Amino acid sequence: IVAEEVTVTNRLTDQDLEPVSGPMLPLAPRNDAVGSLTFP
């Protein structure tokens, strides 16, 4: 299925840091999406 919107959030559980959210780009008409993540 082709999603209308996909968002990914990453949060470091070992320390009290703010989570970082970002959209993932849907690759229509396919059912996949891509994004990037930062691990500081």
Full PDB file with SEQRES, HELIX, SHEET, SSBOND, CRYST1, ORIGX, SCALE, CONECT and MASTER records, all heavy atoms in Angstrom:
SEQRES   1 A   40  ILE VAL ALA GLU GLU VAL THR VAL THR ASN ARG LEU THR          
SEQRES   2 A   40  ASP GLN ASP LEU GLU PRO VAL SER GLY PRO MET LEU PRO          
SEQRES   3 A   40  LEU ALA PRO ARG ASN ASP ALA VAL GLY SER LEU THR PHE          
SEQRES   4 A   40  PRO                                                          
SHEET    1 AA1 3 VAL A   6  ASN A  10  0                                        
SHEET    2 AA1 3 VAL A  20  PRO A  26 -1                                        
SHEET    3 AA1 3 ALA A  33  VAL A  34 -1                                        
CRYST1    1.000    1.000    1.000  90.00  90.00  90.00 P 1           1          
ORIGX1      1.000000  0.000000  0.000000        0.00000                         
ORIGX2      0.000000  1.000000  0.000000        0.00000                         
ORIGX3      0.000000  0.000000  1.000000        0.00000                         
SCALE1      1.000000  0.000000  0.000000        0.00000                         
SCALE2      0.000000  1.000000  0.000000        0.00000                         
SCALE3      0.000000  0.000000  1.000000        0.00000                         
ATOM      1  N   ILE A   1       0.849  -1.185   0.000  1.00  0.00           N  
ATOM      2  CA  ILE A   1       0.000   0.000   0.000  1.00  0.00           C  
ATOM      3  C   ILE A   1       0.887   1.238   0.000  1.00  0.00           C  
ATOM      4  O   ILE A   1       1.994   1.232   0.538  1.00  0.00           O  
ATOM      5  CB  ILE A   1      -0.956   0.029   1.211  1.00  0.00           C  
ATOM      6  CG1 ILE A   1      -0.174  -0.061   2.532  1.00  0.00           C  
ATOM      7  CG2 ILE A   1      -1.983  -1.081   1.136  1.00  0.00           C  
ATOM      8  CD1 ILE A   1      -1.056   0.064   3.756  1.00  0.00           C  
ATOM      9  N   VAL A   2       0.406   2.311  -0.631  1.00  0.00           N  
ATOM     10  CA  VAL A   2       1.139   3.569  -0.694  1.00  0.00           C  
ATOM     11  C   VAL A   2       0.669   4.455   0.455  1.00  0.00           C  
ATOM     12  O   VAL A   2      -0.517   4.799   0.533  1.00  0.00           O  
ATOM     13  CB  VAL A   2       0.915   4.278  -2.041  1.00  0.00           C  
ATOM     14  CG1 VAL A   2       1.662   5.608  -2.070  1.00  0.00           C  
ATOM     15  CG2 VAL A   2       1.369   3.380  -3.185  1.00  0.00           C  
ATOM     16  N   ALA A   3       1.590   4.778   1.370  1.00  0.00           N  
ATOM     17  CA  ALA A   3       1.237   5.590   2.527  1.00  0.00           C  
ATOM     18  C   ALA A   3       1.099   7.053   2.139  1.00  0.00           C  
ATOM     19  O   ALA A   3       1.825   7.559   1.272  1.00  0.00           O  
ATOM     20  CB  ALA A   3       2.295   5.430   3.617  1.00  0.00           C  
ATOM     21  N   GLU A   4       0.158   7.736   2.795  1.00  0.00           N  
ATOM     22  CA  GLU A   4      -0.012   9.171   2.574  1.00  0.00           C  
ATOM     23  C   GLU A   4       1.142   9.957   3.188  1.00  0.00           C  
ATOM     24  O   GLU A   4       1.616  10.945   2.631  1.00  0.00           O  
ATOM     25  CB  GLU A   4      -1.342   9.637   3.191  1.00  0.00           C  
ATOM     26  CG  GLU A   4      -2.578   8.993   2.598  1.00  0.00           C  
ATOM     27  CD  GLU A   4      -2.887   9.531   1.218  1.00  0.00           C  
ATOM     28  OE1 GLU A   4      -2.458  10.663   0.917  1.00  0.00           O  
ATOM     29  OE2 GLU A   4      -3.537   8.814   0.430  1.00  0.00           O  
ATOM     30  N   GLU A   5       1.635   9.488   4.338  1.00  0.00           N  
ATOM     31  CA  GLU A   5       2.696  10.222   5.041  1.00  0.00           C  
ATOM     32  C   GLU A   5       3.412   9.263   5.985  1.00  0.00           C  
ATOM     33  O   GLU A   5       2.774   8.433   6.648  1.00  0.00           O  
ATOM     34  CB  GLU A   5       2.095  11.384   5.836  1.00  0.00           C  
ATOM     35  CG  GLU A   5       3.134  12.232   6.565  1.00  0.00           C  
ATOM     36  CD  GLU A   5       2.482  13.358   7.351  1.00  0.00           C  
ATOM     37  OE1 GLU A   5       1.464  13.093   8.036  1.00  0.00           O  
ATOM     38  OE2 GLU A   5       2.970  14.490   7.276  1.00  0.00           O  
ATOM     39  N   VAL A   6       4.739   9.381   6.036  1.00  0.00           N  
ATOM     40  CA  VAL A   6       5.545   8.556   6.943  1.00  0.00           C  
ATOM     41  C   VAL A   6       6.517   9.477   7.681  1.00  0.00           C  
ATOM     42  O   VAL A   6       7.227  10.264   7.051  1.00  0.00           O  
ATOM     43  CB  VAL A   6       6.341   7.466   6.192  1.00  0.00           C  
ATOM     44  CG1 VAL A   6       7.111   6.597   7.190  1.00  0.00           C  
ATOM     45  CG2 VAL A   6       5.422   6.605   5.338  1.00  0.00           C  
ATOM     46  N   THR A   7       6.541   9.381   9.002  1.00  0.00           N  
ATOM     47  CA  THR A   7       7.449  10.175   9.830  1.00  0.00           C  
ATOM     48  C   THR A   7       8.251   9.241  10.712  1.00  0.00           C  
ATOM     49  O   THR A   7       7.705   8.265  11.252  1.00  0.00           O  
ATOM     50  CB  THR A   7       6.660  11.168  10.709  1.00  0.00           C  
ATOM     51  OG1 THR A   7       5.863  11.996   9.881  1.00  0.00           O  
ATOM     52  CG2 THR A   7       7.606  12.035  11.523  1.00  0.00           C  
ATOM     53  N   VAL A   8       9.534   9.527  10.876  1.00  0.00           N  
ATOM     54  CA  VAL A   8      10.391   8.717  11.742  1.00  0.00           C  
ATOM     55  C   VAL A   8      11.002   9.612  12.815  1.00  0.00           C  
ATOM     56  O   VAL A   8      11.408  10.750  12.550  1.00  0.00           O  
ATOM     57  CB  VAL A   8      11.496   7.998  10.933  1.00  0.00           C  
ATOM     58  CG1 VAL A   8      12.389   8.986  10.206  1.00  0.00           C  
ATOM     59  CG2 VAL A   8      12.328   7.091  11.848  1.00  0.00           C  
ATOM     60  N   THR A   9      11.044   9.114  14.036  1.00  0.00           N  
ATOM     61  CA  THR A   9      11.622   9.831  15.174  1.00  0.00           C  
ATOM     62  C   THR A   9      12.642   8.929  15.840  1.00  0.00           C  
ATOM     63  O   THR A   9      12.370   7.743  16.067  1.00  0.00           O  
ATOM     64  CB  THR A   9      10.538  10.215  16.197  1.00  0.00           C  
ATOM     65  OG1 THR A   9       9.558  11.030  15.558  1.00  0.00           O  
ATOM     66  CG2 THR A   9      11.144  10.968  17.365  1.00  0.00           C  
ATOM     67  N   ASN A  10      13.819   9.473  16.128  1.00  0.00           N  
ATOM     68  CA  ASN A  10      14.811   8.699  16.864  1.00  0.00           C  
ATOM     69  C   ASN A  10      15.166   9.416  18.164  1.00  0.00           C  
ATOM     70  O   ASN A  10      15.330  10.633  18.201  1.00  0.00           O  
ATOM     71  CB  ASN A  10      16.051   8.418  16.026  1.00  0.00           C  
ATOM     72  CG  ASN A  10      16.817   9.664  15.653  1.00  0.00           C  
ATOM     73  OD1 ASN A  10      16.243  10.589  15.088  1.00  0.00           O  
ATOM     74  ND2 ASN A  10      18.106   9.699  15.955  1.00  0.00           N  
ATOM     75  N   ARG A  11      15.276   8.608  19.238  1.00  0.00           N  
ATOM     76  CA  ARG A  11      15.560   9.154  20.568  1.00  0.00           C  
ATOM     77  C   ARG A  11      16.578   8.265  21.269  1.00  0.00           C  
ATOM     78  O   ARG A  11      16.411   7.041  21.323  1.00  0.00           O  
ATOM     79  CB  ARG A  11      14.270   9.219  21.404  1.00  0.00           C  
ATOM     80  CG  ARG A  11      14.465   9.765  22.821  1.00  0.00           C  
ATOM     81  CD  ARG A  11      13.131   9.835  23.551  1.00  0.00           C  
ATOM     82  NE  ARG A  11      12.577   8.503  23.790  1.00  0.00           N  
ATOM     83  CZ  ARG A  11      12.887   7.758  24.866  1.00  0.00           C  
ATOM     84  NH1 ARG A  11      13.756   8.210  25.776  1.00  0.00           N  
ATOM     85  NH2 ARG A  11      12.343   6.565  25.020  1.00  0.00           N  
ATOM     86  N   LEU A  12      17.634   8.877  21.790  1.00  0.00           N  
ATOM     87  CA  LEU A  12      18.656   8.148  22.525  1.00  0.00           C  
ATOM     88  C   LEU A  12      18.111   7.829  23.915  1.00  0.00           C  
ATOM     89  O   LEU A  12      17.839   8.729  24.716  1.00  0.00           O  
ATOM     90  CB  LEU A  12      19.938   8.970  22.627  1.00  0.00           C  
ATOM     91  CG  LEU A  12      21.118   8.323  23.361  1.00  0.00           C  
ATOM     92  CD1 LEU A  12      21.554   7.037  22.661  1.00  0.00           C  
ATOM     93  CD2 LEU A  12      22.281   9.303  23.463  1.00  0.00           C  
ATOM     94  N   THR A  13      17.926   6.548  24.201  1.00  0.00           N  
ATOM     95  CA  THR A  13      17.305   6.166  25.473  1.00  0.00           C  
ATOM     96  C   THR A  13      18.269   6.229  26.643  1.00  0.00           C  
ATOM     97  O   THR A  13      17.841   6.312  27.792  1.00  0.00           O  
ATOM     98  CB  THR A  13      16.754   4.727  25.372  1.00  0.00           C  
ATOM     99  OG1 THR A  13      17.835   3.817  25.106  1.00  0.00           O  
ATOM    100  CG2 THR A  13      15.713   4.626  24.260  1.00  0.00           C  
ATOM    101  N   ASP A  14      19.578   6.208  26.371  1.00  0.00           N  
ATOM    102  CA  ASP A  14      20.554   6.176  27.456  1.00  0.00           C  
ATOM    103  C   ASP A  14      20.755   7.541  28.102  1.00  0.00           C  
ATOM    104  O   ASP A  14      21.309   7.631  29.201  1.00  0.00           O  
ATOM    105  CB  ASP A  14      21.908   5.656  26.937  1.00  0.00           C  
ATOM    106  CG  ASP A  14      21.780   4.286  26.307  1.00  0.00           C  
ATOM    107  OD1 ASP A  14      20.850   3.553  26.697  1.00  0.00           O  
ATOM    108  OD2 ASP A  14      22.587   3.956  25.423  1.00  0.00           O  
ATOM    109  N   GLN A  15      20.379   8.625  27.434  1.00  0.00           N  
ATOM    110  CA  GLN A  15      20.579   9.974  27.952  1.00  0.00           C  
ATOM    111  C   GLN A  15      19.317  10.797  27.731  1.00  0.00           C  
ATOM    112  O   GLN A  15      18.480  10.491  26.872  1.00  0.00           O  
ATOM    113  CB  GLN A  15      21.779  10.649  27.278  1.00  0.00           C  
ATOM    114  CG  GLN A  15      23.102   9.914  27.498  1.00  0.00           C  
ATOM    115  CD  GLN A  15      24.278  10.713  26.983  1.00  0.00           C  
ATOM    116  OE1 GLN A  15      24.241  11.939  26.982  1.00  0.00           O  
ATOM    117  NE2 GLN A  15      25.323  10.020  26.563  1.00  0.00           N  
ATOM    118  N   ASP A  16      19.205  11.850  28.503  1.00  0.00           N  
ATOM    119  CA  ASP A  16      18.024  12.707  28.434  1.00  0.00           C  
ATOM    120  C   ASP A  16      18.207  13.743  27.333  1.00  0.00           C  
ATOM    121  O   ASP A  16      18.492  14.922  27.600  1.00  0.00           O  
ATOM    122  CB  ASP A  16      17.785  13.382  29.790  1.00  0.00           C  
ATOM    123  CG  ASP A  16      16.460  14.142  29.823  1.00  0.00           C  
ATOM    124  OD1 ASP A  16      15.623  13.868  28.951  1.00  0.00           O  
ATOM    125  OD2 ASP A  16      16.300  15.000  30.716  1.00  0.00           O  
ATOM    126  N   LEU A  17      18.061  13.293  26.076  1.00  0.00           N  
ATOM    127  CA  LEU A  17      18.173  14.200  24.942  1.00  0.00           C  
ATOM    128  C   LEU A  17      16.828  14.277  24.236  1.00  0.00           C  
ATOM    129  O   LEU A  17      16.027  13.343  24.273  1.00  0.00           O  
ATOM    130  CB  LEU A  17      19.240  13.691  23.954  1.00  0.00           C  
ATOM    131  CG  LEU A  17      20.690  13.622  24.473  1.00  0.00           C  
ATOM    132  CD1 LEU A  17      21.597  13.070  23.389  1.00  0.00           C  
ATOM    133  CD2 LEU A  17      21.178  14.991  24.928  1.00  0.00           C  
ATOM    134  N   GLU A  18      16.582  15.408  23.590  1.00  0.00           N  
ATOM    135  CA  GLU A  18      15.343  15.592  22.860  1.00  0.00           C  
ATOM    136  C   GLU A  18      15.283  14.656  21.648  1.00  0.00           C  
ATOM    137  O   GLU A  18      16.290  14.487  20.946  1.00  0.00           O  
ATOM    138  CB  GLU A  18      15.212  17.040  22.393  1.00  0.00           C  
ATOM    139  CG  GLU A  18      14.899  18.038  23.503  1.00  0.00           C  
ATOM    140  CD  GLU A  18      13.535  17.781  24.120  1.00  0.00           C  
ATOM    141  OE1 GLU A  18      12.586  17.508  23.374  1.00  0.00           O  
ATOM    142  OE2 GLU A  18      13.440  17.827  25.369  1.00  0.00           O  
ATOM    143  N   PRO A  19      14.126  14.054  21.392  1.00  0.00           N  
ATOM    144  CA  PRO A  19      13.999  13.226  20.182  1.00  0.00           C  
ATOM    145  C   PRO A  19      14.045  14.085  18.926  1.00  0.00           C  
ATOM    146  O   PRO A  19      13.709  15.277  18.957  1.00  0.00           O  
ATOM    147  CB  PRO A  19      12.632  12.569  20.353  1.00  0.00           C  
ATOM    148  CG  PRO A  19      11.872  13.471  21.270  1.00  0.00           C  
ATOM    149  CD  PRO A  19      12.889  14.068  22.203  1.00  0.00           C  
ATOM    150  N   VAL A  20      14.488  13.485  17.833  1.00  0.00           N  
ATOM    151  CA  VAL A  20      14.592  14.181  16.551  1.00  0.00           C  
ATOM    152  C   VAL A  20      13.641  13.517  15.561  1.00  0.00           C  
ATOM    153  O   VAL A  20      13.710  12.305  15.355  1.00  0.00           O  
ATOM    154  CB  VAL A  20      16.039  14.145  16.005  1.00  0.00           C  
ATOM    155  CG1 VAL A  20      16.104  14.847  14.653  1.00  0.00           C  
ATOM    156  CG2 VAL A  20      16.997  14.792  16.990  1.00  0.00           C  
ATOM    157  N   SER A  21      12.745  14.311  14.988  1.00  0.00           N  
ATOM    158  CA  SER A  21      11.762  13.785  14.037  1.00  0.00           C  
ATOM    159  C   SER A  21      12.025  14.328  12.650  1.00  0.00           C  
ATOM    160  O   SER A  21      12.565  15.435  12.496  1.00  0.00           O  
ATOM    161  CB  SER A  21      10.337  14.144  14.471  1.00  0.00           C  
ATOM    162  OG  SER A  21      10.022  13.582  15.725  1.00  0.00           O  
ATOM    163  N   GLY A  22      11.626  13.558  11.663  1.00  0.00           N  
ATOM    164  CA  GLY A  22      11.757  14.001  10.286  1.00  0.00           C  
ATOM    165  C   GLY A  22      10.858  13.204   9.375  1.00  0.00           C  
ATOM    166  O   GLY A  22      10.521  12.056   9.686  1.00  0.00           O  
ATOM    167  N   PRO A  23      10.436  13.795   8.264  1.00  0.00           N  
ATOM    168  CA  PRO A  23       9.579  13.061   7.327  1.00  0.00           C  
ATOM    169  C   PRO A  23      10.401  12.082   6.489  1.00  0.00           C  
ATOM    170  O   PRO A  23      11.597  12.268   6.286  1.00  0.00           O  
ATOM    171  CB  PRO A  23       8.995  14.165   6.451  1.00  0.00           C  
ATOM    172  CG  PRO A  23      10.062  15.226   6.455  1.00  0.00           C  
ATOM    173  CD  PRO A  23      10.692  15.171   7.814  1.00  0.00           C  
ATOM    174  N   MET A  24       9.736  11.050   6.034  1.00  0.00           N  
ATOM    175  CA  MET A  24      10.323  10.150   5.051  1.00  0.00           C  
ATOM    176  C   MET A  24       9.640  10.408   3.715  1.00  0.00           C  
ATOM    177  O   MET A  24       8.426  10.631   3.656  1.00  0.00           O  
ATOM    178  CB  MET A  24      10.143   8.682   5.470  1.00  0.00           C  
ATOM    179  CG  MET A  24      10.912   8.307   6.723  1.00  0.00           C  
ATOM    180  SD  MET A  24      10.650   6.578   7.250  1.00  0.00           S  
ATOM    181  CE  MET A  24      11.338   5.685   5.860  1.00  0.00           C  
ATOM    182  N   LEU A  25      10.422  10.430   2.656  1.00  0.00           N  
ATOM    183  CA  LEU A  25       9.907  10.776   1.336  1.00  0.00           C  
ATOM    184  C   LEU A  25       9.287   9.557   0.666  1.00  0.00           C  
ATOM    185  O   LEU A  25       9.988   8.595   0.343  1.00  0.00           O  
ATOM    186  CB  LEU A  25      11.040  11.320   0.469  1.00  0.00           C  
ATOM    187  CG  LEU A  25      10.667  11.707  -0.966  1.00  0.00           C  
ATOM    188  CD1 LEU A  25       9.697  12.871  -0.979  1.00  0.00           C  
ATOM    189  CD2 LEU A  25      11.917  12.046  -1.757  1.00  0.00           C  
ATOM    190  N   PRO A  26       7.952   9.549   0.457  1.00  0.00           N  
ATOM    191  CA  PRO A  26       7.329   8.405  -0.244  1.00  0.00           C  
ATOM    192  C   PRO A  26       7.786   8.350  -1.695  1.00  0.00           C  
ATOM    193  O   PRO A  26       7.905   9.378  -2.365  1.00  0.00           O  
ATOM    194  CB  PRO A  26       5.828   8.711  -0.144  1.00  0.00           C  
ATOM    195  CG  PRO A  26       5.694   9.711   0.958  1.00  0.00           C  
ATOM    196  CD  PRO A  26       6.960  10.523   0.920  1.00  0.00           C  
ATOM    197  N   LEU A  27       8.061   7.163  -2.169  1.00  0.00           N  
ATOM    198  CA  LEU A  27       8.501   6.976  -3.549  1.00  0.00           C  
ATOM    199  C   LEU A  27       7.336   6.433  -4.368  1.00  0.00           C  
ATOM    200  O   LEU A  27       7.347   5.304  -4.859  1.00  0.00           O  
ATOM    201  CB  LEU A  27       9.704   6.025  -3.605  1.00  0.00           C  
ATOM    202  CG  LEU A  27      10.939   6.493  -2.830  1.00  0.00           C  
ATOM    203  CD1 LEU A  27      12.056   5.464  -2.953  1.00  0.00           C  
ATOM    204  CD2 LEU A  27      11.419   7.850  -3.336  1.00  0.00           C  
ATOM    205  N   ALA A  28       6.271   7.238  -4.505  1.00  0.00           N  
ATOM    206  CA  ALA A  28       5.085   6.829  -5.269  1.00  0.00           C  
ATOM    207  C   ALA A  28       5.476   6.588  -6.726  1.00  0.00           C  
ATOM    208  O   ALA A  28       6.387   7.242  -7.237  1.00  0.00           O  
ATOM    209  CB  ALA A  28       4.011   7.913  -5.168  1.00  0.00           C  
ATOM    210  N   PRO A  29       4.827   5.645  -7.425  1.00  0.00           N  
ATOM    211  CA  PRO A  29       3.636   4.903  -6.987  1.00  0.00           C  
ATOM    212  C   PRO A  29       3.949   3.631  -6.206  1.00  0.00           C  
ATOM    213  O   PRO A  29       3.082   2.780  -6.057  1.00  0.00           O  
ATOM    214  CB  PRO A  29       2.961   4.571  -8.315  1.00  0.00           C  
ATOM    215  CG  PRO A  29       4.117   4.358  -9.250  1.00  0.00           C  
ATOM    216  CD  PRO A  29       5.158   5.349  -8.834  1.00  0.00           C  
ATOM    217  N   ARG A  30       5.198   3.482  -5.714  1.00  0.00           N  
ATOM    218  CA  ARG A  30       5.548   2.266  -4.990  1.00  0.00           C  
ATOM    219  C   ARG A  30       5.166   2.419  -3.527  1.00  0.00           C  
ATOM    220  O   ARG A  30       4.720   3.456  -3.071  1.00  0.00           O  
ATOM    221  CB  ARG A  30       7.050   1.991  -5.134  1.00  0.00           C  
ATOM    222  CG  ARG A  30       7.500   1.861  -6.592  1.00  0.00           C  
ATOM    223  CD  ARG A  30       8.740   1.005  -6.688  1.00  0.00           C  
ATOM    224  NE  ARG A  30       9.734   1.333  -5.680  1.00  0.00           N  
ATOM    225  CZ  ARG A  30      10.800   2.100  -5.919  1.00  0.00           C  
ATOM    226  NH1 ARG A  30      10.979   2.648  -7.103  1.00  0.00           N  
ATOM    227  NH2 ARG A  30      11.670   2.336  -4.967  1.00  0.00           N  
ATOM    228  N   ASN A  31       5.374   1.337  -2.773  1.00  0.00           N  
ATOM    229  CA  ASN A  31       4.938   1.329  -1.380  1.00  0.00           C  
ATOM    230  C   ASN A  31       6.081   1.595  -0.417  1.00  0.00           C  
ATOM    231  O   ASN A  31       6.016   1.197   0.737  1.00  0.00           O  
ATOM    232  CB  ASN A  31       4.315  -0.031  -1.038  1.00  0.00           C  
ATOM    233  CG  ASN A  31       5.341  -1.163  -1.093  1.00  0.00           C  
ATOM    234  OD1 ASN A  31       6.123  -1.242  -2.026  1.00  0.00           O  
ATOM    235  ND2 ASN A  31       5.332  -2.035  -0.106  1.00  0.00           N  
ATOM    236  N   ASP A  32       7.153   2.261  -0.871  1.00  0.00           N  
ATOM    237  CA  ASP A  32       8.283   2.499   0.012  1.00  0.00           C  
ATOM    238  C   ASP A  32       8.543   3.980   0.193  1.00  0.00           C  
ATOM    239  O   ASP A  32       8.021   4.825  -0.532  1.00  0.00           O  
ATOM    240  CB  ASP A  32       9.533   1.774  -0.484  1.00  0.00           C  
ATOM    241  CG  ASP A  32       9.930   2.177  -1.891  1.00  0.00           C  
ATOM    242  OD1 ASP A  32       9.048   2.602  -2.651  1.00  0.00           O  
ATOM    243  OD2 ASP A  32      11.115   2.049  -2.231  1.00  0.00           O  
ATOM    244  N   ALA A  33       9.348   4.284   1.203  1.00  0.00           N  
ATOM    245  CA  ALA A  33       9.712   5.662   1.525  1.00  0.00           C  
ATOM    246  C   ALA A  33      11.112   5.656   2.099  1.00  0.00           C  
ATOM    247  O   ALA A  33      11.550   4.671   2.710  1.00  0.00           O  
ATOM    248  CB  ALA A  33       8.721   6.266   2.517  1.00  0.00           C  
ATOM    249  N   VAL A  34      11.850   6.764   1.913  1.00  0.00           N  
ATOM    250  CA  VAL A  34      13.222   6.859   2.407  1.00  0.00           C  
ATOM    251  C   VAL A  34      13.378   8.120   3.244  1.00  0.00           C  
ATOM    252  O   VAL A  34      12.634   9.095   3.087  1.00  0.00           O  
ATOM    253  CB  VAL A  34      14.251   6.866   1.249  1.00  0.00           C  
ATOM    254  CG1 VAL A  34      14.242   5.568   0.499  1.00  0.00           C  
ATOM    255  CG2 VAL A  34      14.001   8.044   0.317  1.00  0.00           C  
ATOM    256  N   GLY A  35      14.349   8.069   4.138  1.00  0.00           N  
ATOM    257  CA  GLY A  35      14.658   9.213   4.978  1.00  0.00           C  
ATOM    258  C   GLY A  35      16.069   9.090   5.493  1.00  0.00           C  
ATOM    259  O   GLY A  35      16.811   8.173   5.122  1.00  0.00           O  
ATOM    260  N   SER A  36      16.480  10.006   6.342  1.00  0.00           N  
ATOM    261  CA  SER A  36      17.825   9.964   6.912  1.00  0.00           C  
ATOM    262  C   SER A  36      17.746  10.080   8.417  1.00  0.00           C  
ATOM    263  O   SER A  36      16.809  10.674   8.974  1.00  0.00           O  
ATOM    264  CB  SER A  36      18.692  11.091   6.336  1.00  0.00           C  
ATOM    265  OG  SER A  36      18.174  12.351   6.715  1.00  0.00           O  
ATOM    266  N   LEU A  37      18.715   9.484   9.087  1.00  0.00           N  
ATOM    267  CA  LEU A  37      18.781   9.493  10.540  1.00  0.00           C  
ATOM    268  C   LEU A  37      20.149   9.972  10.984  1.00  0.00           C  
ATOM    269  O   LEU A  37      21.167   9.665  10.336  1.00  0.00           O  
ATOM    270  CB  LEU A  37      18.527   8.094  11.101  1.00  0.00           C  
ATOM    271  CG  LEU A  37      17.127   7.502  10.902  1.00  0.00           C  
ATOM    272  CD1 LEU A  37      17.108   6.054  11.361  1.00  0.00           C  
ATOM    273  CD2 LEU A  37      16.093   8.303  11.658  1.00  0.00           C  
ATOM    274  N   THR A  38      20.185  10.692  12.094  1.00  0.00           N  
ATOM    275  CA  THR A  38      21.439  11.154  12.678  1.00  0.00           C  
ATOM    276  C   THR A  38      21.596  10.519  14.052  1.00  0.00           C  
ATOM    277  O   THR A  38      20.682  10.584  14.888  1.00  0.00           O  
ATOM    278  CB  THR A  38      21.460  12.684  12.827  1.00  0.00           C  
ATOM    279  OG1 THR A  38      21.329  13.274  11.536  1.00  0.00           O  
ATOM    280  CG2 THR A  38      22.765  13.150  13.469  1.00  0.00           C  
ATOM    281  N   PHE A  39      22.755   9.882  14.266  1.00  0.00           N  
ATOM    282  CA  PHE A  39      23.071   9.288  15.565  1.00  0.00           C  
ATOM    283  C   PHE A  39      24.294  10.010  16.120  1.00  0.00           C  
ATOM    284  O   PHE A  39      25.441   9.678  15.780  1.00  0.00           O  
ATOM    285  CB  PHE A  39      23.357   7.787  15.413  1.00  0.00           C  
ATOM    286  CG  PHE A  39      22.207   7.004  14.838  1.00  0.00           C  
ATOM    287  CD1 PHE A  39      22.374   6.235  13.694  1.00  0.00           C  
ATOM    288  CD2 PHE A  39      20.969   7.044  15.440  1.00  0.00           C  
ATOM    289  CE1 PHE A  39      21.319   5.505  13.163  1.00  0.00           C  
ATOM    290  CE2 PHE A  39      19.898   6.314  14.914  1.00  0.00           C  
ATOM    291  CZ  PHE A  39      20.075   5.551  13.776  1.00  0.00           C  
ATOM    292  N   PRO A  40      24.098  11.020  16.990  1.00  0.00           N  
ATOM    293  CA  PRO A  40      25.234  11.817  17.477  1.00  0.00           C  
ATOM    294  C   PRO A  40      26.114  11.092  18.477  1.00  0.00           C  
ATOM    295  O   PRO A  40      27.303  11.388  18.587  1.00  0.00           O  
ATOM    296  CB  PRO A  40      24.552  13.025  18.118  1.00  0.00           C  
ATOM    297  CG  PRO A  40      23.198  12.541  18.505  1.00  0.00           C  
ATOM    298  CD  PRO A  40      22.809  11.545  17.467  1.00  0.00           C  
TER     299      PRO A  40                                                      
MASTER        0    0    0    0    3    0    0    6  298    1    0    4          
END                                                                             
